Amino acid sequence: MTQTIHIGFLIYPGVTQLDVTGPAEVLSRVPGARIHMIWKTLHAVVTDAGFSINPTNTTADCPWLDVICVPGGTGQAALMADDAVLRFLKSQGEQARFVTSVCAGSLLLGAAGLLKGYRAGAHWAFRHLLSNFGAKPVAERVVRDRNRISGGGVTAGIDFGLTLAAELAGEDVAREIQLAIEYDPQPPFDAGTPEKAGAELEARVRAAFAVNIAGDGHQD
């Protein structure tokens, strides 16, 4: 009988949906996986793409998780001082088999005290902030340090998901999942990192991030 693997994603108003749905699609295919979408209430959570995701559990009734994953998004900054959310992450993170994140979600793990002394990744625009929490920022698509696994920005969540799938079920299963979802990226433009995009494009994207974060300030 396949053992249940409880995998929980913290979702919140302003979360980046692909940070969640990318790895969730991958990890839902791991044998025995049970995916939990977690927020303070069971009301629909509006993502930063404008559509909603329905939570399956609240932070109060969430089971103990084998994997806790924190995504990023425009609503992430408002949670950095949310004591209830940070307590939930700390409690789950202290007993989880894997403590993980995608994009700027690693900053929330840091704020919860779960990355001190660990190597970690994040979106390129926010990676440097990890050092504020005693973590060592690493510019890699997926960063693994003991039981901490963090993905880079947004689309790196799929790479992260496959990396974690291999840890949970073996490399053969992860390869099967990769083939099943036809994950064979061939981007039409070579502009996926600041180094490739150039200074002018990087500056425009950084400015857009600054506007989005400054304009977000409410939580439901």
C-alpha atoms as a PDB file:
ATOM      1  CA  MET A   1       0.000   0.000   0.000  1.00  0.00           C
ATOM      2  CA  THR A   2       1.389   3.401  -1.023  1.00  0.00           C
ATOM      3  CA  GLN A   3       1.998   5.724   1.905  1.00  0.00           C
ATOM      4  CA  THR A   4       0.312   9.113   1.779  1.00  0.00           C
ATOM      5  CA  ILE A   5       2.681  12.045   1.301  1.00  0.00           C
ATOM      6  CA  HIS A   6       1.119  15.279   2.540  1.00  0.00           C
ATOM      7  CA  ILE A   7       2.355  18.218   0.446  1.00  0.00           C
ATOM      8  CA  GLY A   8       1.130  21.663   1.442  1.00  0.00           C
ATOM      9  CA  PHE A   9       1.300  24.965  -0.440  1.00  0.00           C
ATOM     10  CA  LEU A  10       0.740  28.211   1.440  1.00  0.00           C
ATOM     11  CA  ILE A  11      -1.484  30.342  -0.780  1.00  0.00           C
ATOM     12  CA  TYR A  12      -2.452  33.945  -0.022  1.00  0.00           C
ATOM     13  CA  PRO A  13      -3.952  37.011  -1.707  1.00  0.00           C
ATOM     14  CA  GLY A  14      -1.540  38.127  -4.403  1.00  0.00           C
ATOM     15  CA  VAL A  15       0.280  34.792  -4.712  1.00  0.00           C
ATOM     16  CA  THR A  16       1.873  34.073  -8.089  1.00  0.00           C
ATOM     17  CA  GLN A  17      -0.252  31.227  -9.375  1.00  0.00           C
ATOM     18  CA  LEU A  18       2.492  29.521 -11.409  1.00  0.00           C
ATOM     19  CA  ASP A  19       4.702  29.376  -8.309  1.00  0.00           C
ATOM     20  CA  VAL A  20       1.949  27.129  -6.931  1.00  0.00           C
ATOM     21  CA  THR A  21       0.389  25.371  -9.898  1.00  0.00           C
ATOM     22  CA  GLY A  22       3.649  24.492 -11.654  1.00  0.00           C
ATOM     23  CA  PRO A  23       5.116  22.379  -8.856  1.00  0.00           C
ATOM     24  CA  ALA A  24       1.658  21.231  -7.739  1.00  0.00           C
ATOM     25  CA  GLU A  25       1.023  19.721 -11.184  1.00  0.00           C
ATOM     26  CA  VAL A  26       4.313  17.837 -10.961  1.00  0.00           C
ATOM     27  CA  LEU A  27       4.024  16.741  -7.341  1.00  0.00           C
ATOM     28  CA  SER A  28       0.381  15.679  -7.630  1.00  0.00           C
ATOM     29  CA  ARG A  29       1.656  12.870  -9.891  1.00  0.00           C
ATOM     30  CA  VAL A  30       3.989  11.441  -7.235  1.00  0.00           C
ATOM     31  CA  PRO A  31       2.548   8.130  -5.977  1.00  0.00           C
ATOM     32  CA  GLY A  32       0.722   8.690  -2.692  1.00  0.00           C
ATOM     33  CA  ALA A  33       0.839  12.479  -2.934  1.00  0.00           C
ATOM     34  CA  ARG A  34      -1.978  14.475  -1.403  1.00  0.00           C
ATOM     35  CA  ILE A  35      -1.891  18.168  -2.240  1.00  0.00           C
ATOM     36  CA  HIS A  36      -3.112  20.734   0.299  1.00  0.00           C
ATOM     37  CA  MET A  37      -3.778  24.392  -0.595  1.00  0.00           C
ATOM     38  CA  ILE A  38      -3.576  26.282   2.691  1.00  0.00           C
ATOM     39  CA  TRP A  39      -4.702  29.716   3.840  1.00  0.00           C
ATOM     40  CA  LYS A  40      -6.223  31.297   6.934  1.00  0.00           C
ATOM     41  CA  THR A  41      -9.760  30.722   5.666  1.00  0.00           C
ATOM     42  CA  LEU A  42     -11.452  28.585   3.019  1.00  0.00           C
ATOM     43  CA  HIS A  43     -12.534  31.627   1.014  1.00  0.00           C
ATOM     44  CA  ALA A  44     -11.200  31.753  -2.546  1.00  0.00           C
ATOM     45  CA  VAL A  45      -7.758  33.348  -2.764  1.00  0.00           C
ATOM     46  CA  VAL A  46      -7.228  35.838  -5.596  1.00  0.00           C
ATOM     47  CA  THR A  47      -3.852  35.346  -7.256  1.00  0.00           C
ATOM     48  CA  ASP A  48      -1.737  38.100  -8.776  1.00  0.00           C
ATOM     49  CA  ALA A  49      -2.977  36.921 -12.192  1.00  0.00           C
ATOM     50  CA  GLY A  50      -6.512  37.947 -11.228  1.00  0.00           C
ATOM     51  CA  PHE A  51      -8.150  34.545 -10.910  1.00  0.00           C
ATOM     52  CA  SER A  52      -8.708  32.551  -7.747  1.00  0.00           C
ATOM     53  CA  ILE A  53      -7.528  29.325  -6.156  1.00  0.00           C
ATOM     54  CA  ASN A  54      -9.693  27.580  -3.580  1.00  0.00           C
ATOM     55  CA  PRO A  55      -7.953  26.559  -0.347  1.00  0.00           C
ATOM     56  CA  THR A  56      -8.475  22.983   0.787  1.00  0.00           C
ATOM     57  CA  ASN A  57      -7.322  23.579   4.368  1.00  0.00           C
ATOM     58  CA  THR A  58      -6.924  26.408   6.811  1.00  0.00           C
ATOM     59  CA  THR A  59      -3.742  26.973   8.769  1.00  0.00           C
ATOM     60  CA  ALA A  60      -5.705  25.836  11.834  1.00  0.00           C
ATOM     61  CA  ASP A  61      -6.888  22.470  10.468  1.00  0.00           C
ATOM     62  CA  CYS A  62      -3.954  21.620   8.218  1.00  0.00           C
ATOM     63  CA  PRO A  63      -2.470  18.169   8.909  1.00  0.00           C
ATOM     64  CA  TRP A  64       1.210  17.741   9.652  1.00  0.00           C
ATOM     65  CA  LEU A  65       2.967  18.014   6.321  1.00  0.00           C
ATOM     66  CA  ASP A  66       5.743  15.941   4.824  1.00  0.00           C
ATOM     67  CA  VAL A  67       6.501  18.869   2.512  1.00  0.00           C
ATOM     68  CA  ILE A  68       5.746  22.529   3.155  1.00  0.00           C
ATOM     69  CA  CYS A  69       6.123  24.816   0.137  1.00  0.00           C
ATOM     70  CA  VAL A  70       5.901  28.599   0.116  1.00  0.00           C
ATOM     71  CA  PRO A  71       5.417  30.384  -3.222  1.00  0.00           C
ATOM     72  CA  GLY A  72       6.109  34.035  -3.957  1.00  0.00           C
ATOM     73  CA  GLY A  73       3.894  36.803  -5.288  1.00  0.00           C
ATOM     74  CA  THR A  74       2.971  40.441  -4.890  1.00  0.00           C
ATOM     75  CA  GLY A  75       1.207  39.618  -1.629  1.00  0.00           C
ATOM     76  CA  GLN A  76       4.310  38.069  -0.090  1.00  0.00           C
ATOM     77  CA  ALA A  77       5.724  41.315   1.319  1.00  0.00           C
ATOM     78  CA  ALA A  78       2.627  41.914   3.446  1.00  0.00           C
ATOM     79  CA  LEU A  79       3.096  38.535   5.135  1.00  0.00           C
ATOM     80  CA  MET A  80       6.672  39.138   6.244  1.00  0.00           C
ATOM     81  CA  ALA A  81       5.424  40.495   9.591  1.00  0.00           C
ATOM     82  CA  ASP A  82       2.284  38.345   9.861  1.00  0.00           C
ATOM     83  CA  ASP A  83       2.860  36.511  13.147  1.00  0.00           C
ATOM     84  CA  ALA A  84       0.143  33.921  12.531  1.00  0.00           C
ATOM     85  CA  VAL A  85       1.548  32.913   9.152  1.00  0.00           C
ATOM     86  CA  LEU A  86       5.133  32.852  10.420  1.00  0.00           C
ATOM     87  CA  ARG A  87       4.150  30.699  13.404  1.00  0.00           C
ATOM     88  CA  PHE A  88       2.390  28.271  11.078  1.00  0.00           C
ATOM     89  CA  LEU A  89       5.441  28.009   8.825  1.00  0.00           C
ATOM     90  CA  LYS A  90       7.827  27.603  11.737  1.00  0.00           C
ATOM     91  CA  SER A  91       5.688  24.895  13.336  1.00  0.00           C
ATOM     92  CA  GLN A  92       5.270  22.927  10.121  1.00  0.00           C
ATOM     93  CA  GLY A  93       8.856  23.523   9.017  1.00  0.00           C
ATOM     94  CA  GLU A  94      10.348  22.195  12.232  1.00  0.00           C
ATOM     95  CA  GLN A  95       8.836  18.746  11.660  1.00  0.00           C
ATOM     96  CA  ALA A  96       8.449  18.521   7.854  1.00  0.00           C
ATOM     97  CA  ARG A  97      10.606  16.151   5.866  1.00  0.00           C
ATOM     98  CA  PHE A  98      11.253  18.902   3.310  1.00  0.00           C
ATOM     99  CA  VAL A  99      11.003  22.680   3.766  1.00  0.00           C
ATOM    100  CA  THR A 100      10.692  24.297   0.364  1.00  0.00           C
ATOM    101  CA  SER A 101       9.878  27.418  -1.605  1.00  0.00           C
ATOM    102  CA  VAL A 102       9.542  28.890  -5.067  1.00  0.00           C
ATOM    103  CA  CYS A 103      10.542  32.393  -6.135  1.00  0.00           C
ATOM    104  CA  ALA A 104      10.385  34.972  -3.291  1.00  0.00           C
ATOM    105  CA  GLY A 105       8.627  32.460  -1.065  1.00  0.00           C
ATOM    106  CA  SER A 106      12.048  31.700   0.400  1.00  0.00           C
ATOM    107  CA  LEU A 107      11.964  35.143   2.037  1.00  0.00           C
ATOM    108  CA  LEU A 108       8.931  34.027   4.040  1.00  0.00           C
ATOM    109  CA  LEU A 109      10.802  30.908   5.114  1.00  0.00           C
ATOM    110  CA  GLY A 110      13.638  33.193   6.153  1.00  0.00           C
ATOM    111  CA  ALA A 111      11.297  35.450   8.123  1.00  0.00           C
ATOM    112  CA  ALA A 112      10.008  32.353   9.919  1.00  0.00           C
ATOM    113  CA  GLY A 113      13.576  31.516  10.968  1.00  0.00           C
ATOM    114  CA  LEU A 114      13.817  28.424   8.782  1.00  0.00           C
ATOM    115  CA  LEU A 115      16.773  29.328   6.543  1.00  0.00           C
ATOM    116  CA  LYS A 116      19.470  30.513   8.941  1.00  0.00           C
ATOM    117  CA  GLY A 117      22.713  28.835   7.925  1.00  0.00           C
ATOM    118  CA  TYR A 118      21.226  27.359   4.734  1.00  0.00           C
ATOM    119  CA  ARG A 119      21.970  27.975   1.074  1.00  0.00           C
ATOM    120  CA  ALA A 120      18.824  29.141  -0.692  1.00  0.00           C
ATOM    121  CA  GLY A 121      17.519  30.477  -3.973  1.00  0.00           C
ATOM    122  CA  ALA A 122      14.876  33.011  -5.003  1.00  0.00           C
ATOM    123  CA  HIS A 123      13.808  35.146  -7.935  1.00  0.00           C
ATOM    124  CA  TRP A 124      16.812  37.102  -9.238  1.00  0.00           C
ATOM    125  CA  ALA A 125      15.291  40.455  -8.231  1.00  0.00           C
ATOM    126  CA  PHE A 126      14.950  39.468  -4.568  1.00  0.00           C
ATOM    127  CA  ARG A 127      17.665  36.862  -4.033  1.00  0.00           C
ATOM    128  CA  HIS A 128      20.044  39.265  -2.285  1.00  0.00           C
ATOM    129  CA  LEU A 129      17.494  39.795   0.503  1.00  0.00           C
ATOM    130  CA  LEU A 130      18.019  36.235   1.738  1.00  0.00           C
ATOM    131  CA  SER A 131      21.162  37.319   3.532  1.00  0.00           C
ATOM    132  CA  ASN A 132      18.970  39.403   5.869  1.00  0.00           C
ATOM    133  CA  PHE A 133      17.765  36.119   7.381  1.00  0.00           C
ATOM    134  CA  GLY A 134      21.119  34.419   7.752  1.00  0.00           C
ATOM    135  CA  ALA A 135      20.775  32.442   4.518  1.00  0.00           C
ATOM    136  CA  LYS A 136      23.348  32.271   1.733  1.00  0.00           C
ATOM    137  CA  PRO A 137      21.838  33.433  -1.588  1.00  0.00           C
ATOM    138  CA  VAL A 138      22.653  31.133  -4.509  1.00  0.00           C
ATOM    139  CA  ALA A 139      22.027  31.984  -8.165  1.00  0.00           C
ATOM    140  CA  GLU A 140      20.804  28.592  -9.318  1.00  0.00           C
ATOM    141  CA  ARG A 141      17.547  27.314 -10.797  1.00  0.00           C
ATOM    142  CA  VAL A 142      17.072  24.906  -7.878  1.00  0.00           C
ATOM    143  CA  VAL A 143      19.060  25.052  -4.647  1.00  0.00           C
ATOM    144  CA  ARG A 144      19.292  22.072  -2.279  1.00  0.00           C
ATOM    145  CA  ASP A 145      20.834  22.281   1.178  1.00  0.00           C
ATOM    146  CA  ARG A 146      20.010  19.304   3.384  1.00  0.00           C
ATOM    147  CA  ASN A 147      16.208  19.195   3.619  1.00  0.00           C
ATOM    148  CA  ARG A 148      15.747  22.738   2.290  1.00  0.00           C
ATOM    149  CA  ILE A 149      14.942  22.962  -1.435  1.00  0.00           C
ATOM    150  CA  SER A 150      14.243  26.311  -3.054  1.00  0.00           C
ATOM    151  CA  GLY A 151      13.411  27.193  -6.630  1.00  0.00           C
ATOM    152  CA  GLY A 152      14.277  30.378  -8.467  1.00  0.00           C
ATOM    153  CA  GLY A 153      11.708  32.621 -10.091  1.00  0.00           C
ATOM    154  CA  VAL A 154       8.250  31.420 -11.179  1.00  0.00           C
ATOM    155  CA  THR A 155       8.959  28.922 -13.991  1.00  0.00           C
ATOM    156  CA  ALA A 156      11.759  27.374 -11.918  1.00  0.00           C
ATOM    157  CA  GLY A 157       8.939  25.880  -9.867  1.00  0.00           C
ATOM    158  CA  ILE A 158       8.612  23.089 -12.419  1.00  0.00           C
ATOM    159  CA  ASP A 159      12.313  22.256 -12.160  1.00  0.00           C
ATOM    160  CA  PHE A 160      11.937  22.411  -8.395  1.00  0.00           C
ATOM    161  CA  GLY A 161       8.942  20.084  -8.555  1.00  0.00           C
ATOM    162  CA  LEU A 162      10.817  17.494 -10.584  1.00  0.00           C
ATOM    163  CA  THR A 163      13.813  17.716  -8.246  1.00  0.00           C
ATOM    164  CA  LEU A 164      11.560  17.114  -5.243  1.00  0.00           C
ATOM    165  CA  ALA A 165       9.650  14.350  -7.047  1.00  0.00           C
ATOM    166  CA  ALA A 166      12.940  12.504  -7.494  1.00  0.00           C
ATOM    167  CA  GLU A 167      13.642  12.855  -3.765  1.00  0.00           C
ATOM    168  CA  LEU A 168      10.197  11.560  -2.843  1.00  0.00           C
ATOM    169  CA  ALA A 169       9.766   8.756  -5.372  1.00  0.00           C
ATOM    170  CA  GLY A 170      13.036   8.230  -7.221  1.00  0.00           C
ATOM    171  CA  GLU A 171      14.533   9.552 -10.428  1.00  0.00           C
ATOM    172  CA  ASP A 172      12.657   7.105 -12.678  1.00  0.00           C
ATOM    173  CA  VAL A 173       9.305   8.393 -11.428  1.00  0.00           C
ATOM    174  CA  ALA A 174      10.453  11.992 -11.883  1.00  0.00           C
ATOM    175  CA  ARG A 175      11.484  11.234 -15.463  1.00  0.00           C
ATOM    176  CA  GLU A 176       8.087   9.656 -16.128  1.00  0.00           C
ATOM    177  CA  ILE A 177       6.380  12.778 -14.803  1.00  0.00           C
ATOM    178  CA  GLN A 178       8.572  15.010 -16.959  1.00  0.00           C
ATOM    179  CA  LEU A 179       7.618  13.031 -20.059  1.00  0.00           C
ATOM    180  CA  ALA A 180       3.942  12.903 -19.085  1.00  0.00           C
ATOM    181  CA  ILE A 181       3.728  16.696 -18.860  1.00  0.00           C
ATOM    182  CA  GLU A 182       6.005  17.096 -21.919  1.00  0.00           C
ATOM    183  CA  TYR A 183       8.360  19.371 -20.061  1.00  0.00           C
ATOM    184  CA  ASP A 184      10.919  20.192 -22.739  1.00  0.00           C
ATOM    185  CA  PRO A 185      11.370  23.968 -22.547  1.00  0.00           C
ATOM    186  CA  GLN A 186      12.453  25.756 -25.707  1.00  0.00           C
ATOM    187  CA  PRO A 187      11.811  29.447 -25.017  1.00  0.00           C
ATOM    188  CA  PRO A 188      11.290  31.682 -28.058  1.00  0.00           C
ATOM    189  CA  PHE A 189      13.508  34.399 -26.562  1.00  0.00           C
ATOM    190  CA  ASP A 190      16.832  34.224 -24.758  1.00  0.00           C
ATOM    191  CA  ALA A 191      15.944  36.757 -22.072  1.00  0.00           C
ATOM    192  CA  GLY A 192      15.245  34.636 -19.008  1.00  0.00           C
ATOM    193  CA  THR A 193      17.986  36.029 -16.761  1.00  0.00           C
ATOM    194  CA  PRO A 194      19.365  39.546 -16.230  1.00  0.00           C
ATOM    195  CA  GLU A 195      22.659  38.449 -17.774  1.00  0.00           C
ATOM    196  CA  LYS A 196      20.917  37.345 -20.965  1.00  0.00           C
ATOM    197  CA  ALA A 197      18.332  40.127 -21.093  1.00  0.00           C
ATOM    198  CA  GLY A 198      20.718  43.073 -20.784  1.00  0.00           C
ATOM    199  CA  ALA A 199      20.750  46.109 -18.516  1.00  0.00           C
ATOM    200  CA  GLU A 200      17.950  48.098 -20.184  1.00  0.00           C
ATOM    201  CA  LEU A 201      15.383  45.294 -20.058  1.00  0.00           C
ATOM    202  CA  GLU A 202      16.439  44.358 -16.523  1.00  0.00           C
ATOM    203  CA  ALA A 203      15.899  47.946 -15.366  1.00  0.00           C
ATOM    204  CA  ARG A 204      12.371  48.030 -16.805  1.00  0.00           C
ATOM    205  CA  VAL A 205      11.425  44.762 -15.122  1.00  0.00           C
ATOM    206  CA  ARG A 206      12.910  45.852 -11.796  1.00  0.00           C
ATOM    207  CA  ALA A 207      10.899  49.067 -11.978  1.00  0.00           C
ATOM    208  CA  ALA A 208       7.716  47.102 -12.643  1.00  0.00           C
ATOM    209  CA  PHE A 209       8.386  44.897  -9.614  1.00  0.00           C
ATOM    210  CA  ALA A 210       8.887  47.964  -7.430  1.00  0.00           C
ATOM    211  CA  VAL A 211       5.532  49.431  -8.536  1.00  0.00           C
ATOM    212  CA  ASN A 212       3.664  46.154  -7.998  1.00  0.00           C
ATOM    213  CA  ILE A 213       5.046  45.604  -4.499  1.00  0.00           C
ATOM    214  CA  ALA A 214       4.450  49.205  -3.461  1.00  0.00           C
ATOM    215  CA  GLY A 215       0.876  49.001  -4.683  1.00  0.00           C
ATOM    216  CA  ASP A 216      -0.014  45.834  -2.760  1.00  0.00           C
ATOM    217  CA  GLY A 217      -1.005  46.214   0.835  1.00  0.00           C
ATOM    218  CA  HIS A 218      -4.135  44.320   1.814  1.00  0.00           C
ATOM    219  CA  GLN A 219      -4.779  40.814   3.039  1.00  0.00           C
ATOM    220  CA  ASP A 220      -8.160  39.057   3.281  1.00  0.00           C
END
